[in-house]
C-alpha cells in the first residue's frame, strides 16, 4: 500500500515516522520509496531518510529555500508549482517501488499553491492518510480536526501514530489522549512512539518494530519481528 503521511502540525515527527516505516519495510525485502512533493527550508527530509537507509529511493519534486508554506516559499523563490508535475513524479516512483510513502508539508490545510492545499494533493494522488500527532495537551483537538479535514475531502484515514510519547508520564491529559482520539474519531491508534534519538538508525528501526502495527498500516502479513539482531524475512504476502 502506498500511503500519504501527514501531521497535525509542523515538527510533530512525520519525517521520523516516514523514515522508520520505510527502513523497516526495506529491511523486509521491499523496494521502498519516500516521496516529498514539496520541500521547504534548508533542512532536507529526504536526506534524513537516506541517513537511516541509503537504499530507500527518494524523490523531491520542488525544493524551496524558505521555511514557509509551499505557496509562499514558491513565490519567494520565483517558482511555479504545478500539480500535474507532482502527479507525474509520483506515478513514476510507483513504477520503481513496491511501496511509496509520500510525506506532506505541515498539515492537510497547508496551501501548496493558490487555493490548492495538501489535502487536495493527497486526493489527486489517490492515497490514504496516516496521521502523526503530538502527545501533549491540545493533541485531541488538533488530531480530530485533521481527521475531519481528511474525511470532508473524501480521504481514507488509515490511523494515527502518536510520536515522542514521554515515558512513565503521570500527566493524565497525555495518558488519556490516545483513547479519547480513537473513541471520538473511530480511527485506530496504530502506534505510540516513545521519545528517542531519531539519528540512530538501529534504534529507530527497533522502535518502529516494537511500537507500530506495521501489518495494519501496510495491509500485508508481516512475520513476527524482534529487535536488533533479527534477520528480516522478505516473504510477506499481501492481505486480500
Protein backbone atom coordinates (compact mmCIF):
# COMPACT_ATOMS: atom_id res chain seq x y z
CA UNK A 1 0.00 0.00 0.00
CA UNK A 2 1.16 3.49 -0.87
CA UNK A 3 0.47 5.99 1.92
CA UNK A 4 0.44 9.73 2.49
CA UNK A 5 1.91 10.72 5.86
CA UNK A 6 0.59 13.96 7.28
CA UNK A 7 0.81 15.63 10.67
CA UNK A 8 -1.34 17.64 12.99
CA UNK A 9 1.26 20.40 12.71
CA UNK A 10 4.83 21.11 11.68
CA UNK A 11 7.52 19.32 13.66
CA UNK A 12 5.35 16.51 15.04
CA UNK A 13 7.61 13.73 13.77
CA UNK A 14 6.33 12.99 10.25
CA UNK A 15 9.81 12.53 8.82
CA UNK A 16 10.95 10.24 11.63
CA UNK A 17 7.87 8.08 11.17
CA UNK A 18 8.29 8.07 7.39
CA UNK A 19 11.96 7.10 7.61
CA UNK A 20 11.31 4.44 10.23
CA UNK A 21 8.48 2.79 8.33
CA UNK A 22 10.43 2.85 5.08
CA UNK A 23 13.56 1.40 6.71
CA UNK A 24 11.71 -1.50 8.33
CA UNK A 25 9.93 -2.41 5.10
CA UNK A 26 13.18 -2.07 3.14
CA UNK A 27 14.72 -4.49 5.63
CA UNK A 28 11.91 -6.94 4.91
CA UNK A 29 12.97 -7.02 1.27
CA UNK A 30 10.59 -4.49 -0.25
CA UNK A 31 11.82 -1.71 -2.52
CA UNK A 32 10.72 1.41 -0.68
CA UNK A 33 10.29 4.92 -1.96
CA UNK A 34 9.89 8.14 0.01
CA UNK A 35 8.39 10.98 -1.97
CA UNK A 36 8.35 14.59 -0.88
CA UNK A 37 6.23 16.63 -3.32
CA UNK A 38 7.40 19.94 -1.88
CA UNK A 39 10.34 20.51 0.46
CA UNK A 40 10.65 23.92 2.09
CA UNK A 41 13.54 25.26 4.12
CA UNK A 42 17.21 24.34 4.32
CA UNK A 43 16.75 21.02 6.17
CA UNK A 44 16.01 18.18 3.74
CA UNK A 45 13.63 15.50 4.96
CA UNK A 46 14.72 13.02 2.31
CA UNK A 47 18.36 13.50 3.30
CA UNK A 48 17.37 12.33 6.79
CA UNK A 49 15.63 9.32 5.27
CA UNK A 50 18.82 8.40 3.43
CA UNK A 51 20.84 8.56 6.66
CA UNK A 52 18.55 5.88 8.07
CA UNK A 53 18.79 3.63 4.99
CA UNK A 54 20.66 4.69 1.88
CA UNK A 55 18.85 2.02 -0.17
CA UNK A 56 15.49 3.78 0.10
CA UNK A 57 14.60 5.54 -3.15
CA UNK A 58 13.84 9.21 -2.55
CA UNK A 59 12.43 11.99 -4.70
CA UNK A 60 11.60 15.69 -4.23
CA UNK A 61 9.70 17.49 -6.97
CA UNK A 62 10.01 21.05 -5.65
CA UNK A 63 12.83 22.05 -3.30
CA UNK A 64 12.28 25.57 -1.99
CA UNK A 65 14.70 27.53 0.16
CA UNK A 66 12.43 29.43 2.55
CA UNK A 67 10.93 27.63 5.58
CA UNK A 68 7.30 28.54 4.95
CA UNK A 69 4.11 27.14 3.45
CA UNK A 70 4.86 25.90 -0.09
CA UNK A 71 2.65 28.56 -1.67
CA UNK A 72 4.64 31.36 -0.03
CA UNK A 73 8.04 29.67 -0.37
CA UNK A 74 7.42 29.24 -4.10
CA UNK A 75 6.63 32.93 -4.52
CA UNK A 76 9.78 33.90 -2.64
CA UNK A 77 11.87 31.59 -4.84
CA UNK A 78 10.03 32.69 -8.01
CA UNK A 79 8.95 29.11 -8.67
CA UNK A 80 5.64 27.97 -10.15
CA UNK A 81 4.23 24.79 -8.63
CA UNK A 82 2.25 22.53 -10.97
CA UNK A 83 0.05 19.74 -9.64
CA UNK A 84 0.45 17.67 -12.79
CA UNK A 85 4.23 17.61 -12.35
CA UNK A 86 3.77 16.24 -8.84
CA UNK A 87 1.38 13.60 -10.17
CA UNK A 88 3.82 12.56 -12.91
CA UNK A 89 6.75 12.23 -10.48
CA UNK A 90 4.66 10.21 -8.03
CA UNK A 91 3.39 7.84 -10.71
CA UNK A 92 6.94 7.31 -11.97
CA UNK A 93 8.12 6.49 -8.46
CA UNK A 94 5.34 3.95 -8.03
CA UNK A 95 6.66 2.10 -11.06
CA UNK A 96 10.07 1.53 -9.45
CA UNK A 97 8.96 0.78 -5.86
CA UNK A 98 6.89 -1.81 -4.06
CA UNK A 99 5.57 0.86 -1.69
CA UNK A 100 5.80 4.66 -1.73
CA UNK A 101 5.42 6.82 1.35
CA UNK A 102 4.58 10.39 0.42
CA UNK A 103 5.21 12.99 3.10
CA UNK A 104 3.40 16.29 3.28
CA UNK A 105 4.48 19.73 4.42
CA UNK A 106 2.87 20.64 7.72
CA UNK A 107 -0.80 19.63 7.93
CA UNK A 108 -3.60 18.93 5.48
CA UNK A 109 -4.75 22.53 5.13
CA UNK A 110 -1.35 23.99 4.25
CA UNK A 111 -1.58 25.71 0.84
CA UNK A 112 0.60 24.24 -1.90
CA UNK A 113 -0.27 26.89 -4.48
CA UNK A 114 -3.17 29.33 -4.69
CA UNK A 115 -6.15 27.53 -3.07
CA UNK A 116 -4.76 24.04 -3.76
CA UNK A 117 -3.98 22.55 -0.35
CA UNK A 118 -2.13 19.48 0.87
CA UNK A 119 -5.38 17.54 1.18
CA UNK A 120 -6.14 18.35 -2.46
CA UNK A 121 -2.73 16.96 -3.34
CA UNK A 122 -3.49 13.77 -1.37
CA UNK A 123 -6.78 13.37 -3.21
CA UNK A 124 -5.03 13.91 -6.54
CA UNK A 125 -2.55 11.16 -5.69
CA UNK A 126 -5.41 8.89 -4.51
CA UNK A 127 -3.70 7.95 -1.26
CA UNK A 128 -4.95 7.01 2.19
CA UNK A 129 -3.71 9.16 5.07
CA UNK A 130 -1.67 8.22 8.12
CA UNK A 131 -1.76 10.98 10.74
CA UNK A 132 1.20 11.72 13.01
CA UNK A 133 0.30 13.60 16.20
CA UNK A 134 1.93 15.06 19.30
CA UNK A 135 1.32 13.51 22.71
CA UNK A 136 0.74 16.70 24.73
CA UNK A 137 -2.13 18.93 25.70
CA UNK A 138 -4.09 20.08 22.65
CA UNK A 139 -3.44 16.95 20.63
CA UNK A 140 -7.06 15.78 20.86
CA UNK A 141 -8.31 18.92 19.15
CA UNK A 142 -5.52 19.01 16.56
CA UNK A 143 -5.89 15.34 15.69
CA UNK A 144 -9.69 15.37 15.45
CA UNK A 145 -9.53 18.47 13.25
CA UNK A 146 -7.02 16.75 10.96
CA UNK A 147 -9.20 13.65 10.70
CA UNK A 148 -12.26 15.80 10.00
CA UNK A 149 -10.38 17.75 7.32
CA UNK A 150 -9.37 14.49 5.66
CA UNK A 151 -12.83 12.98 5.75
CA UNK A 152 -14.51 16.11 4.46
CA UNK A 153 -12.34 15.78 1.35
CA UNK A 154 -13.28 12.13 0.95
CA UNK A 155 -9.89 10.81 2.08
CA UNK A 156 -9.43 7.48 3.83
CA UNK A 157 -7.74 7.79 7.23
CA UNK A 158 -5.68 4.69 7.98
CA UNK A 159 -4.97 5.60 11.58
CA UNK A 160 -2.95 7.75 13.94
CA UNK A 161 0.58 7.45 15.28
CA UNK A 162 1.49 9.39 18.42
CA UNK A 163 5.16 10.40 18.38
CA UNK A 164 7.59 11.39 21.14
CA UNK A 165 5.42 9.94 23.89
CA UNK A 166 7.06 10.67 27.27
CA UNK A 167 7.99 7.53 29.23
CA UNK A 168 6.33 6.88 32.59
CA UNK A 169 4.26 10.04 32.32
CA UNK A 170 1.88 10.98 35.12
CA UNK A 171 0.15 13.60 33.00
CA UNK A 172 -3.46 12.47 32.84
CA UNK A 173 -4.07 14.52 29.67
CA UNK A 174 -1.22 12.76 27.89
CA UNK A 175 -2.18 9.30 29.18
CA UNK A 176 -5.82 9.51 28.12
CA UNK A 177 -5.45 11.37 24.80
CA UNK A 178 -4.88 8.30 22.56
CA UNK A 179 -8.01 6.51 23.77
CA UNK A 180 -10.10 9.68 23.55
CA UNK A 181 -8.92 10.38 20.00
CA UNK A 182 -9.75 6.83 18.92
CA UNK A 183 -13.15 6.80 20.65
CA UNK A 184 -14.30 10.16 19.29
CA UNK A 185 -13.00 9.70 15.75
CA UNK A 186 -13.45 5.98 15.23
CA UNK A 187 -9.86 5.91 13.95
CA UNK A 188 -7.38 3.43 15.37
CA UNK A 189 -4.16 4.40 17.11
CA UNK A 190 -1.62 2.35 15.15
CA UNK A 191 1.44 3.29 17.16
CA UNK A 192 2.68 5.18 20.19
CA UNK A 193 6.35 6.02 19.75
CA UNK A 194 8.47 6.79 22.81
CA UNK A 195 10.92 9.65 22.92
CA UNK A 196 14.15 8.52 21.26
CA UNK A 197 17.20 9.58 19.29
CA UNK A 198 15.96 9.63 15.68
CA UNK A 199 19.51 9.96 14.36
CA UNK A 200 20.31 6.38 15.45
CA UNK A 201 19.12 4.13 12.60
CA UNK A 202 19.22 0.91 14.62
CA UNK A 203 17.28 2.44 17.50
CA UNK A 204 14.71 3.95 15.14
CA UNK A 205 14.11 0.63 13.39
CA UNK A 206 13.77 -1.16 16.73
CA UNK A 207 11.28 1.45 17.90
CA UNK A 208 9.13 1.04 14.80
CA UNK A 209 9.15 -2.75 15.10
CA UNK A 210 8.18 -2.66 18.76
CA UNK A 211 5.74 0.25 18.77
CA UNK A 212 3.87 0.34 15.46
CA UNK A 213 1.29 -2.00 13.90
CA UNK A 214 3.04 -2.45 10.57
CA UNK A 215 0.65 -5.11 9.36
CA UNK A 216 -2.39 -2.86 9.71
CA UNK A 217 -0.63 0.13 8.19
CA UNK A 218 0.59 -1.66 5.06
CA UNK A 219 -2.20 -4.26 4.98
CA UNK A 220 0.20 -7.12 4.48
CA UNK A 221 1.05 -10.16 6.51
CA UNK A 222 4.33 -9.46 8.26
CA UNK A 223 6.34 -12.11 10.10
CA UNK A 224 6.89 -11.56 13.80
CA UNK A 225 9.89 -9.29 14.14
CA UNK A 226 12.08 -8.79 17.14
CA UNK A 227 14.62 -6.11 17.94
CA UNK A 228 18.16 -5.74 16.67
CA UNK A 229 19.99 -8.83 15.64
CA UNK A 230 16.98 -10.39 13.93
CA UNK A 231 17.22 -11.10 10.24
CA UNK A 232 14.14 -9.80 8.44
CA UNK A 233 12.08 -12.21 6.36
CA UNK A 234 11.09 -10.75 2.98
CA UNK A 235 8.49 -13.48 2.25
CA UNK A 236 5.43 -11.42 3.20
CA UNK A 237 2.18 -11.64 1.29
CA UNK A 238 -0.47 -9.06 0.64
CA UNK A 239 -3.69 -9.37 2.62
CA UNK A 240 -6.67 -9.61 0.24
